[in-house]
Amino acid sequence: MKLLTIYAHPADTITNCGGTLARHAEAGDDVTALILTHGGRIHANRYAEEWRKETPDESVVSADLQAIIDHKKHELERAAEIVGIRTLITLDHDDTMATLHEDVIEQIAEHVAREQPDVVICDYPKNPVMTMDAHTAASAMALAGIARAGFYLQNLDGRPETAVKQVFLTSLQVTANDALSHYGMRNDCFIDITPVVDRKIAAMDCFASQGYAGLFARKLIESNNGEMGRLAGVNFAEGFVRLHSETHSLLGITDAARAADPLVRHVEYSRLSLREMFPVARG
């Protein structure tokens, strides 16, 4: 199977679905990440914090935009290697982008057609009027690009149409795992990332310039992936919403559901402590 992630910023792929990608890479699946913006202006902790020092390091505070972009791209490359992303595609648009752009949609469509993914993963888009949110703009363009790739014709566009089998949306703010509490809107699919949580932590530790390394990486995974894991009945999970309904030959029950014991699942969920297992390096 081939997976393609489409996100706004360099670190988004890792924070949202890095564990899932690591599991697919281990299973032998082909993983490609498409990043729309260079991310040079967001989460610039390394540079902002240096300016606050009494004697800032000149090599840091004198960095121009290209130097910042190059540094973040190097962090992304290291993180991608850790989780098993085989191909990185960075479009390097400015990260102040907050509206839909036809040229970017066309770029996305061309990459979707070129990569021919079975599955695409991107952010769950918030209300489209929230144009200050680059994640919403990125997801809206991703969905438009997927649709456009589906309309390509070999005799008109020089490339065949692309049929993406499923789109998984991440970062849904609603975490309830039943169909009634929020009128049907919920994460309807969870991936157990407990076996690869060490790789997600190591990948997030690569993004030191954004302040993601160390305690933040562990706190984010403990709180976010830990809560998703509680709902899923495992230690750590990543939650998704499937864009398309699915068709099965028979009604089925997953292996995880068969193995679940409601009486003791809270004990297993509480077993691991990331801060003890993966302490932050000092010095």
C-alpha atoms as a PDB file:
ATOM      1  CA  MET A   1       0.000   0.000   0.000  1.00  0.00           C
ATOM      2  CA  LYS A   2       1.138   3.556  -0.691  1.00  0.00           C
ATOM      3  CA  LEU A   3       0.391   6.421   1.687  1.00  0.00           C
ATOM      4  CA  LEU A   4       0.686  10.152   0.993  1.00  0.00           C
ATOM      5  CA  THR A   5       0.417  12.747   3.740  1.00  0.00           C
ATOM      6  CA  ILE A   6      -0.455  16.358   2.842  1.00  0.00           C
ATOM      7  CA  TYR A   7       0.149  18.941   5.576  1.00  0.00           C
ATOM      8  CA  ALA A   8       0.790  22.649   5.887  1.00  0.00           C
ATOM      9  CA  HIS A   9       4.048  22.746   7.884  1.00  0.00           C
ATOM     10  CA  PRO A  10       7.230  20.658   8.285  1.00  0.00           C
ATOM     11  CA  ALA A  11       6.404  19.102  11.688  1.00  0.00           C
ATOM     12  CA  ASP A  12       2.679  18.466  11.089  1.00  0.00           C
ATOM     13  CA  THR A  13       3.103  15.028   9.546  1.00  0.00           C
ATOM     14  CA  ILE A  14       5.077  13.780  12.551  1.00  0.00           C
ATOM     15  CA  THR A  15       2.904  15.265  15.307  1.00  0.00           C
ATOM     16  CA  ASN A  16      -0.377  14.193  13.718  1.00  0.00           C
ATOM     17  CA  CYS A  17       0.356  10.737  12.348  1.00  0.00           C
ATOM     18  CA  GLY A  18       4.038   9.920  12.876  1.00  0.00           C
ATOM     19  CA  GLY A  19       3.254   6.770  14.832  1.00  0.00           C
ATOM     20  CA  THR A  20       0.840   5.511  12.191  1.00  0.00           C
ATOM     21  CA  LEU A  21       3.422   6.124   9.469  1.00  0.00           C
ATOM     22  CA  ALA A  22       6.056   4.266  11.470  1.00  0.00           C
ATOM     23  CA  ARG A  23       3.787   1.226  11.744  1.00  0.00           C
ATOM     24  CA  HIS A  24       3.023   1.276   8.014  1.00  0.00           C
ATOM     25  CA  ALA A  25       6.704   1.650   7.168  1.00  0.00           C
ATOM     26  CA  GLU A  26       7.480  -1.344   9.392  1.00  0.00           C
ATOM     27  CA  ALA A  27       4.811  -3.289   7.508  1.00  0.00           C
ATOM     28  CA  GLY A  28       6.605  -2.530   4.236  1.00  0.00           C
ATOM     29  CA  ASP A  29       4.249   0.160   2.949  1.00  0.00           C
ATOM     30  CA  ASP A  30       5.537   3.108   0.922  1.00  0.00           C
ATOM     31  CA  VAL A  31       5.162   6.460   2.711  1.00  0.00           C
ATOM     32  CA  THR A  32       5.501   9.875   1.041  1.00  0.00           C
ATOM     33  CA  ALA A  33       5.026  13.268   2.727  1.00  0.00           C
ATOM     34  CA  LEU A  34       3.969  16.405   0.852  1.00  0.00           C
ATOM     35  CA  ILE A  35       4.583  19.638   2.806  1.00  0.00           C
ATOM     36  CA  LEU A  36       3.002  22.790   1.401  1.00  0.00           C
ATOM     37  CA  THR A  37       4.884  25.591   3.205  1.00  0.00           C
ATOM     38  CA  HIS A  38       8.455  26.100   4.370  1.00  0.00           C
ATOM     39  CA  GLY A  39       7.414  26.855   7.966  1.00  0.00           C
ATOM     40  CA  GLY A  40      10.124  29.457   8.387  1.00  0.00           C
ATOM     41  CA  ARG A  41       7.987  31.953  10.277  1.00  0.00           C
ATOM     42  CA  ILE A  42       6.039  29.690  12.631  1.00  0.00           C
ATOM     43  CA  HIS A  43       7.272  28.213  15.921  1.00  0.00           C
ATOM     44  CA  ALA A  44      10.588  30.020  15.501  1.00  0.00           C
ATOM     45  CA  ASN A  45      11.495  29.360  19.130  1.00  0.00           C
ATOM     46  CA  ARG A  46      15.205  28.918  18.504  1.00  0.00           C
ATOM     47  CA  TYR A  47      15.501  32.453  17.175  1.00  0.00           C
ATOM     48  CA  ALA A  48      12.979  34.277  19.365  1.00  0.00           C
ATOM     49  CA  GLU A  49      14.441  32.754  22.528  1.00  0.00           C
ATOM     50  CA  GLU A  50      17.973  33.680  21.492  1.00  0.00           C
ATOM     51  CA  TRP A  51      16.951  37.327  21.087  1.00  0.00           C
ATOM     52  CA  ARG A  52      15.759  37.348  24.710  1.00  0.00           C
ATOM     53  CA  LYS A  53      19.197  36.465  26.040  1.00  0.00           C
ATOM     54  CA  GLU A  54      21.452  39.179  27.404  1.00  0.00           C
ATOM     55  CA  THR A  55      24.158  38.218  24.911  1.00  0.00           C
ATOM     56  CA  PRO A  56      22.481  36.530  21.919  1.00  0.00           C
ATOM     57  CA  ASP A  57      24.460  34.170  19.721  1.00  0.00           C
ATOM     58  CA  GLU A  58      25.101  36.177  16.577  1.00  0.00           C
ATOM     59  CA  SER A  59      25.107  33.081  14.371  1.00  0.00           C
ATOM     60  CA  VAL A  60      21.512  32.408  15.423  1.00  0.00           C
ATOM     61  CA  VAL A  61      19.970  35.881  15.492  1.00  0.00           C
ATOM     62  CA  SER A  62      21.544  36.848  12.182  1.00  0.00           C
ATOM     63  CA  ALA A  63      19.906  33.928  10.342  1.00  0.00           C
ATOM     64  CA  ASP A  64      17.873  35.022   7.334  1.00  0.00           C
ATOM     65  CA  LEU A  65      14.677  33.325   6.189  1.00  0.00           C
ATOM     66  CA  GLN A  66      16.486  30.855   3.950  1.00  0.00           C
ATOM     67  CA  ALA A  67      18.783  29.789   6.766  1.00  0.00           C
ATOM     68  CA  ILE A  68      15.783  29.185   9.035  1.00  0.00           C
ATOM     69  CA  ILE A  69      14.023  27.223   6.292  1.00  0.00           C
ATOM     70  CA  ASP A  70      17.122  25.093   5.666  1.00  0.00           C
ATOM     71  CA  HIS A  71      17.474  24.349   9.383  1.00  0.00           C
ATOM     72  CA  LYS A  72      13.845  23.232   9.674  1.00  0.00           C
ATOM     73  CA  LYS A  73      14.125  21.148   6.526  1.00  0.00           C
ATOM     74  CA  HIS A  74      17.136  19.367   8.018  1.00  0.00           C
ATOM     75  CA  GLU A  75      15.095  18.641  11.162  1.00  0.00           C
ATOM     76  CA  LEU A  76      12.282  17.280   8.993  1.00  0.00           C
ATOM     77  CA  GLU A  77      14.650  15.033   7.051  1.00  0.00           C
ATOM     78  CA  ARG A  78      15.994  13.511  10.270  1.00  0.00           C
ATOM     79  CA  ALA A  79      12.471  12.973  11.645  1.00  0.00           C
ATOM     80  CA  ALA A  80      11.280  11.445   8.369  1.00  0.00           C
ATOM     81  CA  GLU A  81      14.127   8.936   8.424  1.00  0.00           C
ATOM     82  CA  ILE A  82      13.213   7.886  11.964  1.00  0.00           C
ATOM     83  CA  VAL A  83       9.546   7.121  11.210  1.00  0.00           C
ATOM     84  CA  GLY A  84      10.224   5.648   7.769  1.00  0.00           C
ATOM     85  CA  ILE A  85       8.999   8.300   5.350  1.00  0.00           C
ATOM     86  CA  ARG A  86      10.665   7.267   2.106  1.00  0.00           C
ATOM     87  CA  THR A  87      10.038  10.414   0.034  1.00  0.00           C
ATOM     88  CA  LEU A  88       9.787  14.054   1.133  1.00  0.00           C
ATOM     89  CA  ILE A  89       8.233  16.655  -1.186  1.00  0.00           C
ATOM     90  CA  THR A  90       8.439  20.250   0.028  1.00  0.00           C
ATOM     91  CA  LEU A  91       6.680  22.932  -2.015  1.00  0.00           C
ATOM     92  CA  ASP A  92       8.144  25.761   0.132  1.00  0.00           C
ATOM     93  CA  HIS A  93       5.238  28.185  -0.153  1.00  0.00           C
ATOM     94  CA  ASP A  94       5.228  31.009   2.391  1.00  0.00           C
ATOM     95  CA  ASP A  95       3.636  29.902   5.640  1.00  0.00           C
ATOM     96  CA  THR A  96       1.533  33.049   5.903  1.00  0.00           C
ATOM     97  CA  MET A  97      -0.738  31.454   3.271  1.00  0.00           C
ATOM     98  CA  ALA A  98      -4.277  31.519   4.668  1.00  0.00           C
ATOM     99  CA  THR A  99      -6.563  31.196   1.649  1.00  0.00           C
ATOM    100  CA  LEU A 100      -7.044  28.746  -1.191  1.00  0.00           C
ATOM    101  CA  HIS A 101      -4.754  29.095  -4.200  1.00  0.00           C
ATOM    102  CA  GLU A 102      -5.556  27.518  -7.557  1.00  0.00           C
ATOM    103  CA  ASP A 103      -1.892  27.067  -8.421  1.00  0.00           C
ATOM    104  CA  VAL A 104      -1.229  25.192  -5.171  1.00  0.00           C
ATOM    105  CA  ILE A 105      -4.287  22.992  -5.746  1.00  0.00           C
ATOM    106  CA  GLU A 106      -2.903  22.147  -9.183  1.00  0.00           C
ATOM    107  CA  GLN A 107       0.510  21.345  -7.685  1.00  0.00           C
ATOM    108  CA  ILE A 108      -1.138  19.014  -5.173  1.00  0.00           C
ATOM    109  CA  ALA A 109      -3.156  17.344  -7.945  1.00  0.00           C
ATOM    110  CA  GLU A 110      -0.019  16.782 -10.007  1.00  0.00           C
ATOM    111  CA  HIS A 111       1.799  15.176  -7.065  1.00  0.00           C
ATOM    112  CA  VAL A 112      -1.204  13.000  -6.243  1.00  0.00           C
ATOM    113  CA  ALA A 113      -1.323  11.880  -9.882  1.00  0.00           C
ATOM    114  CA  ARG A 114       2.422  11.240  -9.915  1.00  0.00           C
ATOM    115  CA  GLU A 115       2.539   9.354  -6.607  1.00  0.00           C
ATOM    116  CA  GLN A 116      -0.723   7.389  -7.148  1.00  0.00           C
ATOM    117  CA  PRO A 117      -1.370   6.843  -3.423  1.00  0.00           C
ATOM    118  CA  ASP A 118      -3.939   4.381  -2.136  1.00  0.00           C
ATOM    119  CA  VAL A 119      -4.428   6.468   1.013  1.00  0.00           C
ATOM    120  CA  VAL A 120      -4.065  10.194   1.716  1.00  0.00           C
ATOM    121  CA  ILE A 121      -3.745  11.590   5.245  1.00  0.00           C
ATOM    122  CA  CYS A 122      -4.335  15.279   6.024  1.00  0.00           C
ATOM    123  CA  ASP A 123      -5.786  17.516   8.742  1.00  0.00           C
ATOM    124  CA  TYR A 124      -9.490  17.627   9.496  1.00  0.00           C
ATOM    125  CA  PRO A 125     -10.435  21.073   8.128  1.00  0.00           C
ATOM    126  CA  LYS A 126     -12.033  23.438  10.576  1.00  0.00           C
ATOM    127  CA  ASN A 127     -14.807  25.818   9.574  1.00  0.00           C
ATOM    128  CA  PRO A 128     -13.691  27.167   6.165  1.00  0.00           C
ATOM    129  CA  VAL A 129     -14.358  30.767   7.228  1.00  0.00           C
ATOM    130  CA  MET A 130     -11.380  30.407   9.600  1.00  0.00           C
ATOM    131  CA  THR A 131      -8.993  31.705   7.000  1.00  0.00           C
ATOM    132  CA  MET A 132      -6.395  32.582   9.600  1.00  0.00           C
ATOM    133  CA  ASP A 133      -5.735  28.864  10.029  1.00  0.00           C
ATOM    134  CA  ALA A 134      -3.195  27.534   7.540  1.00  0.00           C
ATOM    135  CA  HIS A 135      -4.159  23.962   8.435  1.00  0.00           C
ATOM    136  CA  THR A 136      -7.714  24.503   7.218  1.00  0.00           C
ATOM    137  CA  ALA A 137      -6.478  26.090   3.994  1.00  0.00           C
ATOM    138  CA  ALA A 138      -4.009  23.237   3.475  1.00  0.00           C
ATOM    139  CA  SER A 139      -6.649  20.538   3.981  1.00  0.00           C
ATOM    140  CA  ALA A 140      -9.186  22.282   1.760  1.00  0.00           C
ATOM    141  CA  MET A 141      -6.583  22.505  -1.001  1.00  0.00           C
ATOM    142  CA  ALA A 142      -5.549  18.893  -0.403  1.00  0.00           C
ATOM    143  CA  LEU A 143      -9.130  17.665  -0.855  1.00  0.00           C
ATOM    144  CA  ALA A 144      -9.562  19.865  -3.927  1.00  0.00           C
ATOM    145  CA  GLY A 145      -6.291  18.554  -5.334  1.00  0.00           C
ATOM    146  CA  ILE A 146      -7.340  14.938  -4.796  1.00  0.00           C
ATOM    147  CA  ALA A 147     -10.628  15.645  -6.577  1.00  0.00           C
ATOM    148  CA  ARG A 148      -8.842  17.377  -9.451  1.00  0.00           C
ATOM    149  CA  ALA A 149      -6.445  14.461  -9.883  1.00  0.00           C
ATOM    150  CA  GLY A 150      -9.485  12.237 -10.231  1.00  0.00           C
ATOM    151  CA  PHE A 151     -10.624  14.221 -13.277  1.00  0.00           C
ATOM    152  CA  TYR A 152      -7.369  14.000 -15.223  1.00  0.00           C
ATOM    153  CA  LEU A 153      -7.676  12.379 -18.637  1.00  0.00           C
ATOM    154  CA  GLN A 154      -4.724  10.892 -20.455  1.00  0.00           C
ATOM    155  CA  ASN A 155      -5.678  12.435 -23.813  1.00  0.00           C
ATOM    156  CA  LEU A 156      -6.289  15.900 -22.306  1.00  0.00           C
ATOM    157  CA  ASP A 157      -3.725  16.166 -19.515  1.00  0.00           C
ATOM    158  CA  GLY A 158      -1.062  13.630 -20.425  1.00  0.00           C
ATOM    159  CA  ARG A 159      -1.730  11.650 -17.250  1.00  0.00           C
ATOM    160  CA  PRO A 160      -4.389   9.151 -16.194  1.00  0.00           C
ATOM    161  CA  GLU A 161      -7.011   9.817 -13.558  1.00  0.00           C
ATOM    162  CA  THR A 162      -6.102   8.952  -9.976  1.00  0.00           C
ATOM    163  CA  ALA A 163      -8.446   7.049  -7.681  1.00  0.00           C
ATOM    164  CA  VAL A 164      -7.448   7.551  -4.033  1.00  0.00           C
ATOM    165  CA  LYS A 165      -9.069   4.723  -2.095  1.00  0.00           C
ATOM    166  CA  GLN A 166      -9.482   6.498   1.244  1.00  0.00           C
ATOM    167  CA  VAL A 167      -8.690   9.802   2.976  1.00  0.00           C
ATOM    168  CA  PHE A 168      -7.973   9.798   6.701  1.00  0.00           C
ATOM    169  CA  LEU A 169      -8.360  13.135   8.499  1.00  0.00           C
ATOM    170  CA  THR A 170      -6.391  13.869  11.673  1.00  0.00           C
ATOM    171  CA  SER A 171      -6.585  16.292  14.602  1.00  0.00           C
ATOM    172  CA  LEU A 172     -10.348  16.202  15.041  1.00  0.00           C
ATOM    173  CA  GLN A 173     -10.917  18.198  18.204  1.00  0.00           C
ATOM    174  CA  VAL A 174     -13.862  16.043  19.285  1.00  0.00           C
ATOM    175  CA  THR A 175     -12.450  13.017  21.088  1.00  0.00           C
ATOM    176  CA  ALA A 176     -15.651  11.220  22.124  1.00  0.00           C
ATOM    177  CA  ASN A 177     -15.685   7.732  20.652  1.00  0.00           C
ATOM    178  CA  ASP A 178     -19.418   7.198  20.302  1.00  0.00           C
ATOM    179  CA  ALA A 179     -21.813   8.269  17.562  1.00  0.00           C
ATOM    180  CA  LEU A 180     -24.343  10.121  19.716  1.00  0.00           C
ATOM    181  CA  SER A 181     -22.480  12.549  21.991  1.00  0.00           C
ATOM    182  CA  HIS A 182     -21.592  14.968  19.199  1.00  0.00           C
ATOM    183  CA  TYR A 183     -24.257  14.166  16.619  1.00  0.00           C
ATOM    184  CA  GLY A 184     -22.108  11.662  14.785  1.00  0.00           C
ATOM    185  CA  MET A 185     -18.881  13.669  14.481  1.00  0.00           C
ATOM    186  CA  ARG A 186     -16.114  11.679  16.070  1.00  0.00           C
ATOM    187  CA  ASN A 187     -12.811   9.941  15.477  1.00  0.00           C
ATOM    188  CA  ASP A 188     -14.025   6.692  13.937  1.00  0.00           C
ATOM    189  CA  CYS A 189     -10.681   4.925  13.535  1.00  0.00           C
ATOM    190  CA  PHE A 190      -7.748   4.557  15.931  1.00  0.00           C
ATOM    191  CA  ILE A 191      -4.249   3.245  15.254  1.00  0.00           C
ATOM    192  CA  ASP A 192      -2.365   1.745  18.198  1.00  0.00           C
ATOM    193  CA  ILE A 193       1.046   3.434  18.153  1.00  0.00           C
ATOM    194  CA  THR A 194       2.258   1.969  21.450  1.00  0.00           C
ATOM    195  CA  PRO A 195       4.797  -0.344  19.732  1.00  0.00           C
ATOM    196  CA  VAL A 196       6.416   2.617  17.945  1.00  0.00           C
ATOM    197  CA  VAL A 197       5.905   5.416  20.474  1.00  0.00           C
ATOM    198  CA  ASP A 198       9.676   5.584  20.974  1.00  0.00           C
ATOM    199  CA  ARG A 199      10.097   6.457  17.304  1.00  0.00           C
ATOM    200  CA  LYS A 200       7.474   9.189  17.465  1.00  0.00           C
ATOM    201  CA  ILE A 201       9.237  10.705  20.475  1.00  0.00           C
ATOM    202  CA  ALA A 202      12.617  10.517  18.726  1.00  0.00           C
ATOM    203  CA  ALA A 203      11.158  12.131  15.606  1.00  0.00           C
ATOM    204  CA  MET A 204       9.585  14.976  17.594  1.00  0.00           C
ATOM    205  CA  ASP A 205      12.879  15.469  19.403  1.00  0.00           C
ATOM    206  CA  CYS A 206      14.338  16.394  16.004  1.00  0.00           C
ATOM    207  CA  PHE A 207      12.291  19.609  15.934  1.00  0.00           C
ATOM    208  CA  ALA A 208      14.317  21.373  18.620  1.00  0.00           C
ATOM    209  CA  SER A 209      14.200  24.740  16.832  1.00  0.00           C
ATOM    210  CA  GLN A 210      10.408  24.755  17.265  1.00  0.00           C
ATOM    211  CA  GLY A 211      10.503  23.915  20.974  1.00  0.00           C
ATOM    212  CA  TYR A 212       9.037  20.460  20.307  1.00  0.00           C
ATOM    213  CA  ALA A 213      11.943  18.456  21.684  1.00  0.00           C
ATOM    214  CA  GLY A 214      12.289  17.101  25.201  1.00  0.00           C
ATOM    215  CA  LEU A 215       9.450  17.562  27.685  1.00  0.00           C
ATOM    216  CA  PHE A 216       7.000  18.971  25.128  1.00  0.00           C
ATOM    217  CA  ALA A 217       7.250  15.885  22.924  1.00  0.00           C
ATOM    218  CA  ARG A 218       6.562  13.622  25.881  1.00  0.00           C
ATOM    219  CA  LYS A 219       3.762  15.805  27.272  1.00  0.00           C
ATOM    220  CA  LEU A 220       2.024  16.047  23.888  1.00  0.00           C
ATOM    221  CA  ILE A 221       2.143  12.301  23.350  1.00  0.00           C
ATOM    222  CA  GLU A 222       1.103  11.559  26.941  1.00  0.00           C
ATOM    223  CA  SER A 223      -1.866  13.934  26.779  1.00  0.00           C
ATOM    224  CA  ASN A 224      -3.053  13.712  23.170  1.00  0.00           C
ATOM    225  CA  ASN A 225      -2.047  10.211  22.090  1.00  0.00           C
ATOM    226  CA  GLY A 226      -2.628   9.006  25.639  1.00  0.00           C
ATOM    227  CA  GLU A 227      -6.230  10.225  25.575  1.00  0.00           C
ATOM    228  CA  MET A 228      -6.746   8.711  22.138  1.00  0.00           C
ATOM    229  CA  GLY A 229      -5.283   5.503  23.566  1.00  0.00           C
ATOM    230  CA  ARG A 230      -7.679   5.566  26.514  1.00  0.00           C
ATOM    231  CA  LEU A 231     -10.600   5.749  24.098  1.00  0.00           C
ATOM    232  CA  ALA A 232      -9.096   3.031  21.932  1.00  0.00           C
ATOM    233  CA  GLY A 233      -8.255   0.734  24.839  1.00  0.00           C
ATOM    234  CA  VAL A 234      -4.482   0.900  24.328  1.00  0.00           C
ATOM    235  CA  ASN A 235      -1.661   2.953  25.803  1.00  0.00           C
ATOM    236  CA  PHE A 236      -1.126   5.373  22.904  1.00  0.00           C
ATOM    237  CA  ALA A 237      -3.110   5.883  19.720  1.00  0.00           C
ATOM    238  CA  GLU A 238      -3.643   8.303  16.852  1.00  0.00           C
ATOM    239  CA  GLY A 239      -7.239   9.095  15.920  1.00  0.00           C
ATOM    240  CA  PHE A 240      -8.636   9.523  12.420  1.00  0.00           C
ATOM    241  CA  VAL A 241     -11.892  10.306  10.651  1.00  0.00           C
ATOM    242  CA  ARG A 242     -12.503   8.424   7.419  1.00  0.00           C
ATOM    243  CA  LEU A 243     -13.681  10.711   4.642  1.00  0.00           C
ATOM    244  CA  HIS A 244     -15.432   7.980   2.654  1.00  0.00           C
ATOM    245  CA  SER A 245     -17.803   5.330   3.947  1.00  0.00           C
ATOM    246  CA  GLU A 246     -16.527   1.794   3.525  1.00  0.00           C
ATOM    247  CA  THR A 247     -18.078  -1.339   2.066  1.00  0.00           C
ATOM    248  CA  HIS A 248     -17.463  -4.779   3.565  1.00  0.00           C
ATOM    249  CA  SER A 249     -18.640  -8.236   2.578  1.00  0.00           C
ATOM    250  CA  LEU A 250     -19.627  -9.054   6.153  1.00  0.00           C
ATOM    251  CA  LEU A 251     -19.945  -7.244   9.438  1.00  0.00           C
ATOM    252  CA  GLY A 252     -16.700  -7.651  11.296  1.00  0.00           C
ATOM    253  CA  ILE A 253     -15.079  -7.227  14.691  1.00  0.00           C
ATOM    254  CA  THR A 254     -11.459  -6.128  14.915  1.00  0.00           C
ATOM    255  CA  ASP A 255      -8.806  -8.133  16.732  1.00  0.00           C
ATOM    256  CA  ALA A 256      -8.481  -5.277  19.210  1.00  0.00           C
ATOM    257  CA  ALA A 257     -12.194  -5.429  20.010  1.00  0.00           C
ATOM    258  CA  ARG A 258     -12.049  -9.205  20.503  1.00  0.00           C
ATOM    259  CA  ALA A 259      -9.106  -8.885  22.882  1.00  0.00           C
ATOM    260  CA  ALA A 260     -10.478  -5.958  24.888  1.00  0.00           C
ATOM    261  CA  ASP A 261     -11.362  -6.573  28.539  1.00  0.00           C
ATOM    262  CA  PRO A 262     -13.347  -3.567  29.845  1.00  0.00           C
ATOM    263  CA  LEU A 263     -12.693  -4.577  33.452  1.00  0.00           C
ATOM    264  CA  VAL A 264      -8.916  -4.169  33.297  1.00  0.00           C
ATOM    265  CA  ARG A 265      -8.306  -1.952  30.253  1.00  0.00           C
ATOM    266  CA  HIS A 266      -7.658   1.047  32.518  1.00  0.00           C
ATOM    267  CA  VAL A 267      -4.864  -0.899  34.230  1.00  0.00           C
ATOM    268  CA  GLU A 268      -3.105  -1.651  30.954  1.00  0.00           C
ATOM    269  CA  TYR A 269      -3.645   1.916  29.767  1.00  0.00           C
ATOM    270  CA  SER A 270      -1.900   3.279  32.883  1.00  0.00           C
ATOM    271  CA  ARG A 271       1.063   0.918  32.694  1.00  0.00           C
ATOM    272  CA  LEU A 272       3.539   3.036  30.718  1.00  0.00           C
ATOM    273  CA  SER A 273       5.239   6.290  31.737  1.00  0.00           C
ATOM    274  CA  LEU A 274       6.980   8.020  28.836  1.00  0.00           C
ATOM    275  CA  ARG A 275       9.075  10.235  31.080  1.00  0.00           C
ATOM    276  CA  GLU A 276      10.512   7.195  32.831  1.00  0.00           C
ATOM    277  CA  MET A 277      10.976   5.140  29.665  1.00  0.00           C
ATOM    278  CA  PHE A 278      12.373   7.958  27.523  1.00  0.00           C
ATOM    279  CA  PRO A 279      13.982  10.543  29.826  1.00  0.00           C
ATOM    280  CA  VAL A 280      15.012  13.900  28.449  1.00  0.00           C
ATOM    281  CA  ALA A 281      18.749  14.118  27.940  1.00  0.00           C
ATOM    282  CA  ARG A 282      20.428  16.642  30.243  1.00  0.00           C
ATOM    283  CA  GLY A 283      23.504  18.676  29.552  1.00  0.00           C
END
